[in-house]
Amino acid sequence: MPIAKLNNHEIETRLAALPKWAVVAGKLHRELKFLDFVHAFGFMTQVAIIAERSDHHPEWSNVYNRVVIDLTTHDADGLSTRDFELAAAIDALHPG
């Protein structure tokens, strides 16, 4: 079954529940800051395990204590429920 792309109203409704996230260039976007590299990398490891289990992987980068995450569903050519589910799981790991 194909993954459905969310429309603008659906995106705005779901985004309201994720105040740390924004839509940037058509992707869910969040920037996180940690105490140091070890904490940032540990967080990324936790997210990687969740992403692998859900078969939905982030576009991300890490520089020292910062992690930048972008979520999109390539199969839907935009945002889908999978992006918002992963964003919520990420927020559960790092709510601050």
PDB file of N, CA and C in Angstrom:
ATOM      1  N   MET A   1       0.840  -1.187   0.000  1.00  0.00           N
ATOM      2  CA  MET A   1       0.000   0.000   0.000  1.00  0.00           C
ATOM      3  C   MET A   1       0.884   1.249   0.000  1.00  0.00           C
ATOM      4  N   PRO A   2       0.642   2.170  -0.905  1.00  0.00           N
ATOM      5  CA  PRO A   2       1.464   3.395  -0.964  1.00  0.00           C
ATOM      6  C   PRO A   2       1.260   4.265   0.280  1.00  0.00           C
ATOM      7  N   ILE A   3       2.285   5.013   0.591  1.00  0.00           N
ATOM      8  CA  ILE A   3       2.237   5.927   1.730  1.00  0.00           C
ATOM      9  C   ILE A   3       1.628   7.245   1.264  1.00  0.00           C
ATOM     10  N   ALA A   4       0.616   7.707   1.984  1.00  0.00           N
ATOM     11  CA  ALA A   4      -0.102   8.915   1.579  1.00  0.00           C
ATOM     12  C   ALA A   4       0.630  10.175   2.035  1.00  0.00           C
ATOM     13  N   LYS A   5       0.722  11.121   1.132  1.00  0.00           N
ATOM     14  CA  LYS A   5       1.270  12.441   1.433  1.00  0.00           C
ATOM     15  C   LYS A   5       0.197  13.257   2.147  1.00  0.00           C
ATOM     16  N   LEU A   6       0.568  13.930   3.213  1.00  0.00           N
ATOM     17  CA  LEU A   6      -0.374  14.762   3.945  1.00  0.00           C
ATOM     18  C   LEU A   6      -0.611  16.078   3.214  1.00  0.00           C
ATOM     19  N   ASN A   7      -1.838  16.586   3.323  1.00  0.00           N
ATOM     20  CA  ASN A   7      -2.125  17.897   2.737  1.00  0.00           C
ATOM     21  C   ASN A   7      -1.750  18.986   3.741  1.00  0.00           C
ATOM     22  N   ASN A   8      -1.807  20.226   3.326  1.00  0.00           N
ATOM     23  CA  ASN A   8      -1.367  21.345   4.180  1.00  0.00           C
ATOM     24  C   ASN A   8      -2.134  21.420   5.492  1.00  0.00           C
ATOM     25  N   HIS A   9      -3.443  21.193   5.448  1.00  0.00           N
ATOM     26  CA  HIS A   9      -4.245  21.238   6.674  1.00  0.00           C
ATOM     27  C   HIS A   9      -3.813  20.132   7.636  1.00  0.00           C
ATOM     28  N   GLU A  10      -3.602  18.937   7.134  1.00  0.00           N
ATOM     29  CA  GLU A  10      -3.155  17.821   7.976  1.00  0.00           C
ATOM     30  C   GLU A  10      -1.786  18.107   8.585  1.00  0.00           C
ATOM     31  N   ILE A  11      -0.906  18.698   7.796  1.00  0.00           N
ATOM     32  CA  ILE A  11       0.430  19.042   8.294  1.00  0.00           C
ATOM     33  C   ILE A  11       0.332  20.073   9.418  1.00  0.00           C
ATOM     34  N   GLU A  12      -0.435  21.125   9.207  1.00  0.00           N
ATOM     35  CA  GLU A  12      -0.572  22.177  10.221  1.00  0.00           C
ATOM     36  C   GLU A  12      -1.190  21.633  11.503  1.00  0.00           C
ATOM     37  N   THR A  13      -2.173  20.762  11.376  1.00  0.00           N
ATOM     38  CA  THR A  13      -2.821  20.167  12.545  1.00  0.00           C
ATOM     39  C   THR A  13      -1.827  19.329  13.336  1.00  0.00           C
ATOM     40  N   ARG A  14      -1.067  18.492  12.662  1.00  0.00           N
ATOM     41  CA  ARG A  14      -0.092  17.634  13.338  1.00  0.00           C
ATOM     42  C   ARG A  14       1.084  18.444  13.886  1.00  0.00           C
ATOM     43  N   LEU A  15       1.463  19.489  13.185  1.00  0.00           N
ATOM     44  CA  LEU A  15       2.580  20.333  13.616  1.00  0.00           C
ATOM     45  C   LEU A  15       2.259  21.036  14.936  1.00  0.00           C
ATOM     46  N   ALA A  16       0.991  21.340  15.152  1.00  0.00           N
ATOM     47  CA  ALA A  16       0.587  22.004  16.397  1.00  0.00           C
ATOM     48  C   ALA A  16       0.930  21.161  17.629  1.00  0.00           C
ATOM     49  N   ALA A  17       0.991  19.853  17.466  1.00  0.00           N
ATOM     50  CA  ALA A  17       1.324  18.958  18.579  1.00  0.00           C
ATOM     51  C   ALA A  17       2.834  18.800  18.766  1.00  0.00           C
ATOM     52  N   LEU A  18       3.615  19.383  17.872  1.00  0.00           N
ATOM     53  CA  LEU A  18       5.077  19.268  17.916  1.00  0.00           C
ATOM     54  C   LEU A  18       5.703  20.665  17.864  1.00  0.00           C
ATOM     55  N   PRO A  19       5.607  21.431  18.952  1.00  0.00           N
ATOM     56  CA  PRO A  19       6.041  22.830  18.916  1.00  0.00           C
ATOM     57  C   PRO A  19       7.535  23.046  18.681  1.00  0.00           C
ATOM     58  N   LYS A  20       8.363  22.043  18.870  1.00  0.00           N
ATOM     59  CA  LYS A  20       9.808  22.186  18.644  1.00  0.00           C
ATOM     60  C   LYS A  20      10.186  22.002  17.176  1.00  0.00           C
ATOM     61  N   TRP A  21       9.219  21.614  16.358  1.00  0.00           N
ATOM     62  CA  TRP A  21       9.471  21.323  14.949  1.00  0.00           C
ATOM     63  C   TRP A  21       8.870  22.420  14.078  1.00  0.00           C
ATOM     64  N   ALA A  22       9.448  22.572  12.884  1.00  0.00           N
ATOM     65  CA  ALA A  22       8.931  23.509  11.886  1.00  0.00           C
ATOM     66  C   ALA A  22       9.026  22.819  10.523  1.00  0.00           C
ATOM     67  N   VAL A  23       8.248  23.295   9.591  1.00  0.00           N
ATOM     68  CA  VAL A  23       8.392  22.819   8.220  1.00  0.00           C
ATOM     69  C   VAL A  23       9.335  23.779   7.516  1.00  0.00           C
ATOM     70  N   VAL A  24      10.463  23.241   7.055  1.00  0.00           N
ATOM     71  CA  VAL A  24      11.482  24.022   6.360  1.00  0.00           C
ATOM     72  C   VAL A  24      11.804  23.302   5.060  1.00  0.00           C
ATOM     73  N   ALA A  25      11.621  23.998   3.950  1.00  0.00           N
ATOM     74  CA  ALA A  25      11.884  23.422   2.629  1.00  0.00           C
ATOM     75  C   ALA A  25      11.114  22.116   2.435  1.00  0.00           C
ATOM     76  N   GLY A  26       9.878  22.070   2.943  1.00  0.00           N
ATOM     77  CA  GLY A  26       9.019  20.911   2.750  1.00  0.00           C
ATOM     78  C   GLY A  26       9.313  19.726   3.647  1.00  0.00           C
ATOM     79  N   LYS A  27      10.195  19.911   4.635  1.00  0.00           N
ATOM     80  CA  LYS A  27      10.566  18.819   5.542  1.00  0.00           C
ATOM     81  C   LYS A  27      10.326  19.242   6.987  1.00  0.00           C
ATOM     82  N   LEU A  28      10.028  18.262   7.845  1.00  0.00           N
ATOM     83  CA  LEU A  28       9.981  18.550   9.274  1.00  0.00           C
ATOM     84  C   LEU A  28      11.407  18.793   9.744  1.00  0.00           C
ATOM     85  N   HIS A  29      11.635  19.860  10.478  1.00  0.00           N
ATOM     86  CA  HIS A  29      12.990  20.290  10.823  1.00  0.00           C
ATOM     87  C   HIS A  29      13.069  20.615  12.306  1.00  0.00           C
ATOM     88  N   ARG A  30      14.152  20.130  12.927  1.00  0.00           N
ATOM     89  CA  ARG A  30      14.436  20.482  14.322  1.00  0.00           C
ATOM     90  C   ARG A  30      15.948  20.500  14.526  1.00  0.00           C
ATOM     91  N   GLU A  31      16.394  21.455  15.328  1.00  0.00           N
ATOM     92  CA  GLU A  31      17.805  21.539  15.708  1.00  0.00           C
ATOM     93  C   GLU A  31      17.888  21.348  17.212  1.00  0.00           C
ATOM     94  N   LEU A  32      18.796  20.467  17.633  1.00  0.00           N
ATOM     95  CA  LEU A  32      18.940  20.143  19.048  1.00  0.00           C
ATOM     96  C   LEU A  32      20.356  20.426  19.498  1.00  0.00           C
ATOM     97  N   LYS A  33      20.488  20.823  20.759  1.00  0.00           N
ATOM     98  CA  LYS A  33      21.803  21.105  21.326  1.00  0.00           C
ATOM     99  C   LYS A  33      21.982  20.240  22.575  1.00  0.00           C
ATOM    100  N   PHE A  34      23.190  19.713  22.745  1.00  0.00           N
ATOM    101  CA  PHE A  34      23.500  18.809  23.841  1.00  0.00           C
ATOM    102  C   PHE A  34      24.690  19.338  24.631  1.00  0.00           C
ATOM    103  N   LEU A  35      24.963  18.691  25.740  1.00  0.00           N
ATOM    104  CA  LEU A  35      26.081  19.085  26.596  1.00  0.00           C
ATOM    105  C   LEU A  35      27.409  18.985  25.846  1.00  0.00           C
ATOM    106  N   ASP A  36      27.567  17.911  25.069  1.00  0.00           N
ATOM    107  CA  ASP A  36      28.818  17.691  24.347  1.00  0.00           C
ATOM    108  C   ASP A  36      28.593  16.659  23.243  1.00  0.00           C
ATOM    109  N   PHE A  37      29.650  16.287  22.564  1.00  0.00           N
ATOM    110  CA  PHE A  37      29.571  15.341  21.451  1.00  0.00           C
ATOM    111  C   PHE A  37      29.052  13.973  21.888  1.00  0.00           C
ATOM    112  N   VAL A  38      29.507  13.492  23.027  1.00  0.00           N
ATOM    113  CA  VAL A  38      29.097  12.169  23.495  1.00  0.00           C
ATOM    114  C   VAL A  38      27.583  12.111  23.703  1.00  0.00           C
ATOM    115  N   HIS A  39      27.015  13.153  24.299  1.00  0.00           N
ATOM    116  CA  HIS A  39      25.568  13.178  24.501  1.00  0.00           C
ATOM    117  C   HIS A  39      24.823  13.273  23.173  1.00  0.00           C
ATOM    118  N   ALA A  40      25.328  14.066  22.255  1.00  0.00           N
ATOM    119  CA  ALA A  40      24.700  14.186  20.937  1.00  0.00           C
ATOM    120  C   ALA A  40      24.743  12.853  20.199  1.00  0.00           C
ATOM    121  N   PHE A  41      25.881  12.198  20.240  1.00  0.00           N
ATOM    122  CA  PHE A  41      26.034  10.925  19.543  1.00  0.00           C
ATOM    123  C   PHE A  41      25.181   9.843  20.199  1.00  0.00           C
ATOM    124  N   GLY A  42      25.096   9.849  21.515  1.00  0.00           N
ATOM    125  CA  GLY A  42      24.240   8.895  22.218  1.00  0.00           C
ATOM    126  C   GLY A  42      22.784   9.059  21.817  1.00  0.00           C
ATOM    127  N   PHE A  43      22.337  10.306  21.723  1.00  0.00           N
ATOM    128  CA  PHE A  43      20.977  10.592  21.270  1.00  0.00           C
ATOM    129  C   PHE A  43      20.769  10.064  19.855  1.00  0.00           C
ATOM    130  N   MET A  44      21.719  10.315  18.972  1.00  0.00           N
ATOM    131  CA  MET A  44      21.592   9.849  17.592  1.00  0.00           C
ATOM    132  C   MET A  44      21.516   8.320  17.541  1.00  0.00           C
ATOM    133  N   THR A  45      22.243   7.657  18.400  1.00  0.00           N
ATOM    134  CA  THR A  45      22.186   6.198  18.454  1.00  0.00           C
ATOM    135  C   THR A  45      20.794   5.726  18.849  1.00  0.00           C
ATOM    136  N   GLN A  46      20.191   6.383  19.835  1.00  0.00           N
ATOM    137  CA  GLN A  46      18.839   6.028  20.249  1.00  0.00           C
ATOM    138  C   GLN A  46      17.836   6.248  19.112  1.00  0.00           C
ATOM    139  N   VAL A  47      17.970   7.364  18.411  1.00  0.00           N
ATOM    140  CA  VAL A  47      17.072   7.650  17.283  1.00  0.00           C
ATOM    141  C   VAL A  47      17.292   6.636  16.170  1.00  0.00           C
ATOM    142  N   ALA A  48      18.538   6.263  15.925  1.00  0.00           N
ATOM    143  CA  ALA A  48      18.839   5.295  14.865  1.00  0.00           C
ATOM    144  C   ALA A  48      18.143   3.970  15.124  1.00  0.00           C
ATOM    145  N   ILE A  49      18.080   3.537  16.356  1.00  0.00           N
ATOM    146  CA  ILE A  49      17.410   2.279  16.694  1.00  0.00           C
ATOM    147  C   ILE A  49      15.912   2.387  16.422  1.00  0.00           C
ATOM    148  N   ILE A  50      15.306   3.490  16.829  1.00  0.00           N
ATOM    149  CA  ILE A  50      13.879   3.707  16.565  1.00  0.00           C
ATOM    150  C   ILE A  50      13.620   3.784  15.063  1.00  0.00           C
ATOM    151  N   ALA A  51      14.463   4.520  14.355  1.00  0.00           N
ATOM    152  CA  ALA A  51      14.300   4.685  12.905  1.00  0.00           C
ATOM    153  C   ALA A  51      14.404   3.345  12.179  1.00  0.00           C
ATOM    154  N   GLU A  52      15.344   2.537  12.586  1.00  0.00           N
ATOM    155  CA  GLU A  52      15.522   1.235  11.942  1.00  0.00           C
ATOM    156  C   GLU A  52      14.321   0.330  12.195  1.00  0.00           C
ATOM    157  N   ARG A  53      13.822   0.340  13.411  1.00  0.00           N
ATOM    158  CA  ARG A  53      12.635  -0.476  13.741  1.00  0.00           C
ATOM    159  C   ARG A  53      11.425  -0.051  12.928  1.00  0.00           C
ATOM    160  N   SER A  54      11.291   1.231  12.682  1.00  0.00           N
ATOM    161  CA  SER A  54      10.126   1.735  11.940  1.00  0.00           C
ATOM    162  C   SER A  54      10.383   1.813  10.444  1.00  0.00           C
ATOM    163  N   ASP A  55      11.593   1.479  10.025  1.00  0.00           N
ATOM    164  CA  ASP A  55      11.991   1.542   8.614  1.00  0.00           C
ATOM    165  C   ASP A  55      11.723   2.934   8.033  1.00  0.00           C
ATOM    166  N   HIS A  56      12.065   3.937   8.830  1.00  0.00           N
ATOM    167  CA  HIS A  56      11.898   5.332   8.404  1.00  0.00           C
ATOM    168  C   HIS A  56      13.086   6.108   8.948  1.00  0.00           C
ATOM    169  N   HIS A  57      13.926   6.611   8.076  1.00  0.00           N
ATOM    170  CA  HIS A  57      15.222   7.140   8.483  1.00  0.00           C
ATOM    171  C   HIS A  57      15.326   8.647   8.261  1.00  0.00           C
ATOM    172  N   PRO A  58      15.900   9.351   9.241  1.00  0.00           N
ATOM    173  CA  PRO A  58      16.024  10.808   9.127  1.00  0.00           C
ATOM    174  C   PRO A  58      17.166  11.224   8.212  1.00  0.00           C
ATOM    175  N   GLU A  59      17.067  12.430   7.738  1.00  0.00           N
ATOM    176  CA  GLU A  59      18.203  13.125   7.132  1.00  0.00           C
ATOM    177  C   GLU A  59      18.737  13.968   8.280  1.00  0.00           C
ATOM    178  N   TRP A  60      20.008  13.785   8.617  1.00  0.00           N
ATOM    179  CA  TRP A  60      20.510  14.511   9.782  1.00  0.00           C
ATOM    180  C   TRP A  60      21.992  14.766   9.693  1.00  0.00           C
ATOM    181  N   SER A  61      22.428  15.674  10.549  1.00  0.00           N
ATOM    182  CA  SER A  61      23.857  15.961  10.636  1.00  0.00           C
ATOM    183  C   SER A  61      24.197  16.243  12.098  1.00  0.00           C
ATOM    184  N   ASN A  62      25.466  16.074  12.407  1.00  0.00           N
ATOM    185  CA  ASN A  62      25.962  16.293  13.760  1.00  0.00           C
ATOM    186  C   ASN A  62      27.284  17.039  13.679  1.00  0.00           C
ATOM    187  N   VAL A  63      27.371  18.141  14.394  1.00  0.00           N
ATOM    188  CA  VAL A  63      28.622  18.863  14.564  1.00  0.00           C
ATOM    189  C   VAL A  63      28.764  19.120  16.062  1.00  0.00           C
ATOM    190  N   TYR A  64      29.747  18.475  16.638  1.00  0.00           N
ATOM    191  CA  TYR A  64      30.049  18.527  18.063  1.00  0.00           C
ATOM    192  C   TYR A  64      28.799  18.288  18.909  1.00  0.00           C
ATOM    193  N   ASN A  65      28.197  19.323  19.484  1.00  0.00           N
ATOM    194  CA  ASN A  65      27.065  19.126  20.387  1.00  0.00           C
ATOM    195  C   ASN A  65      25.710  19.444  19.747  1.00  0.00           C
ATOM    196  N   ARG A  66      25.701  19.603  18.443  1.00  0.00           N
ATOM    197  CA  ARG A  66      24.455  19.941  17.738  1.00  0.00           C
ATOM    198  C   ARG A  66      24.048  18.814  16.803  1.00  0.00           C
ATOM    199  N   VAL A  67      22.736  18.558  16.770  1.00  0.00           N
ATOM    200  CA  VAL A  67      22.167  17.601  15.831  1.00  0.00           C
ATOM    201  C   VAL A  67      21.050  18.326  15.090  1.00  0.00           C
ATOM    202  N   VAL A  68      21.091  18.270  13.770  1.00  0.00           N
ATOM    203  CA  VAL A  68      20.062  18.865  12.927  1.00  0.00           C
ATOM    204  C   VAL A  68      19.341  17.722  12.232  1.00  0.00           C
ATOM    205  N   ILE A  69      18.016  17.714  12.353  1.00  0.00           N
ATOM    206  CA  ILE A  69      17.208  16.619  11.809  1.00  0.00           C
ATOM    207  C   ILE A  69      16.186  17.173  10.826  1.00  0.00           C
ATOM    208  N   ASP A  70      16.089  16.513   9.681  1.00  0.00           N
ATOM    209  CA  ASP A  70      15.038  16.779   8.704  1.00  0.00           C
ATOM    210  C   ASP A  70      14.340  15.465   8.413  1.00  0.00           C
ATOM    211  N   LEU A  71      13.005  15.512   8.424  1.00  0.00           N
ATOM    212  CA  LEU A  71      12.209  14.324   8.153  1.00  0.00           C
ATOM    213  C   LEU A  71      11.338  14.551   6.931  1.00  0.00           C
ATOM    214  N   THR A  72      11.306  13.580   6.059  1.00  0.00           N
ATOM    215  CA  THR A  72      10.434  13.582   4.897  1.00  0.00           C
ATOM    216  C   THR A  72      10.223  12.136   4.481  1.00  0.00           C
ATOM    217  N   THR A  73       9.158  11.891   3.753  1.00  0.00           N
ATOM    218  CA  THR A  73       8.882  10.543   3.253  1.00  0.00           C
ATOM    219  C   THR A  73       9.082  10.564   1.754  1.00  0.00           C
ATOM    220  N   HIS A  74      10.189  10.030   1.309  1.00  0.00           N
ATOM    221  CA  HIS A  74      10.518  10.058  -0.116  1.00  0.00           C
ATOM    222  C   HIS A  74       9.479   9.306  -0.944  1.00  0.00           C
ATOM    223  N   ASP A  75       8.963   8.201  -0.408  1.00  0.00           N
ATOM    224  CA  ASP A  75       7.956   7.416  -1.141  1.00  0.00           C
ATOM    225  C   ASP A  75       6.655   8.183  -1.348  1.00  0.00           C
ATOM    226  N   ALA A  76       6.392   9.171  -0.497  1.00  0.00           N
ATOM    227  CA  ALA A  76       5.181   9.984  -0.620  1.00  0.00           C
ATOM    228  C   ALA A  76       5.478  11.326  -1.292  1.00  0.00           C
ATOM    229  N   ASP A  77       6.744  11.597  -1.548  1.00  0.00           N
ATOM    230  CA  ASP A  77       7.174  12.871  -2.127  1.00  0.00           C
ATOM    231  C   ASP A  77       6.726  14.053  -1.264  1.00  0.00           C
ATOM    232  N   GLY A  78       6.899  13.882   0.048  1.00  0.00           N
ATOM    233  CA  GLY A  78       6.522  14.943   0.973  1.00  0.00           C
ATOM    234  C   GLY A  78       6.380  14.390   2.373  1.00  0.00           C
ATOM    235  N   LEU A  79       5.603  15.069   3.191  1.00  0.00           N
ATOM    236  CA  LEU A  79       5.412  14.651   4.575  1.00  0.00           C
ATOM    237  C   LEU A  79       4.268  13.652   4.687  1.00  0.00           C
ATOM    238  N   SER A  80       4.478  12.659   5.554  1.00  0.00           N
ATOM    239  CA  SER A  80       3.449  11.651   5.815  1.00  0.00           C
ATOM    240  C   SER A  80       3.317  11.464   7.322  1.00  0.00           C
ATOM    241  N   THR A  81       2.388  10.634   7.718  1.00  0.00           N
ATOM    242  CA  THR A  81       2.228  10.342   9.142  1.00  0.00           C
ATOM    243  C   THR A  81       3.501   9.750   9.724  1.00  0.00           C
ATOM    244  N   ARG A  82       4.270   9.051   8.922  1.00  0.00           N
ATOM    245  CA  ARG A  82       5.522   8.444   9.406  1.00  0.00           C
ATOM    246  C   ARG A  82       6.492   9.510   9.930  1.00  0.00           C
ATOM    247  N   ASP A  83       6.535  10.655   9.278  1.00  0.00           N
ATOM    248  CA  ASP A  83       7.422  11.735   9.723  1.00  0.00           C
ATOM    249  C   ASP A  83       6.997  12.275  11.082  1.00  0.00           C
ATOM    250  N   PHE A  84       5.712  12.446  11.264  1.00  0.00           N
ATOM    251  CA  PHE A  84       5.215  12.971  12.524  1.00  0.00           C
ATOM    252  C   PHE A  84       5.349  11.947  13.647  1.00  0.00           C
ATOM    253  N   GLU A  85       5.193  10.678  13.333  1.00  0.00           N
ATOM    254  CA  GLU A  85       5.398   9.632  14.338  1.00  0.00           C
ATOM    255  C   GLU A  85       6.853   9.590  14.786  1.00  0.00           C
ATOM    256  N   LEU A  86       7.784   9.683  13.843  1.00  0.00           N
ATOM    257  CA  LEU A  86       9.199   9.689  14.209  1.00  0.00           C
ATOM    258  C   LEU A  86       9.551  10.958  14.976  1.00  0.00           C
ATOM    259  N   ALA A  87       9.003  12.091  14.579  1.00  0.00           N
ATOM    260  CA  ALA A  87       9.256  13.345  15.301  1.00  0.00           C
ATOM    261  C   ALA A  87       8.778  13.237  16.744  1.00  0.00           C
ATOM    262  N   ALA A  88       7.609  12.646  16.957  1.00  0.00           N
ATOM    263  CA  ALA A  88       7.092  12.475  18.319  1.00  0.00           C
ATOM    264  C   ALA A  88       7.998  11.557  19.132  1.00  0.00           C
ATOM    265  N   ALA A  89       8.512  10.502  18.513  1.00  0.00           N
ATOM    266  CA  ALA A  89       9.433   9.590  19.207  1.00  0.00           C
ATOM    267  C   ALA A  89      10.725  10.312  19.560  1.00  0.00           C
ATOM    268  N   ILE A  90      11.204  11.168  18.661  1.00  0.00           N
ATOM    269  CA  ILE A  90      12.413  11.961  18.925  1.00  0.00           C
ATOM    270  C   ILE A  90      12.166  12.918  20.084  1.00  0.00           C
ATOM    271  N   ASP A  91      11.007  13.552  20.102  1.00  0.00           N
ATOM    272  CA  ASP A  91      10.668  14.456  21.199  1.00  0.00           C
ATOM    273  C   ASP A  91      10.597  13.722  22.537  1.00  0.00           C
ATOM    274  N   ALA A  92      10.155  12.475  22.514  1.00  0.00           N
ATOM    275  CA  ALA A  92      10.101  11.696  23.748  1.00  0.00           C
ATOM    276  C   ALA A  92      11.505  11.450  24.295  1.00  0.00           C
ATOM    277  N   LEU A  93      12.478  11.317  23.406  1.00  0.00           N
ATOM    278  CA  LEU A  93      13.867  11.129  23.830  1.00  0.00           C
ATOM    279  C   LEU A  93      14.514  12.429  24.298  1.00  0.00           C
ATOM    280  N   HIS A  94      14.149  13.515  23.651  1.00  0.00           N
ATOM    281  CA  HIS A  94      14.753  14.822  23.947  1.00  0.00           C
ATOM    282  C   HIS A  94      13.658  15.883  23.927  1.00  0.00           C
ATOM    283  N   PRO A  95      12.896  15.987  25.012  1.00  0.00           N
ATOM    284  CA  PRO A  95      11.772  16.939  25.027  1.00  0.00           C
ATOM    285  C   PRO A  95      12.188  18.399  25.111  1.00  0.00           C
ATOM    286  N   GLY A  96      13.403  18.667  25.600  1.00  0.00           N
ATOM    287  CA  GLY A  96      13.826  20.049  25.832  1.00  0.00           C
ATOM    288  C   GLY A  96      14.254  20.797  24.641  1.00  0.00           C
TER     289      GLY A  96
END
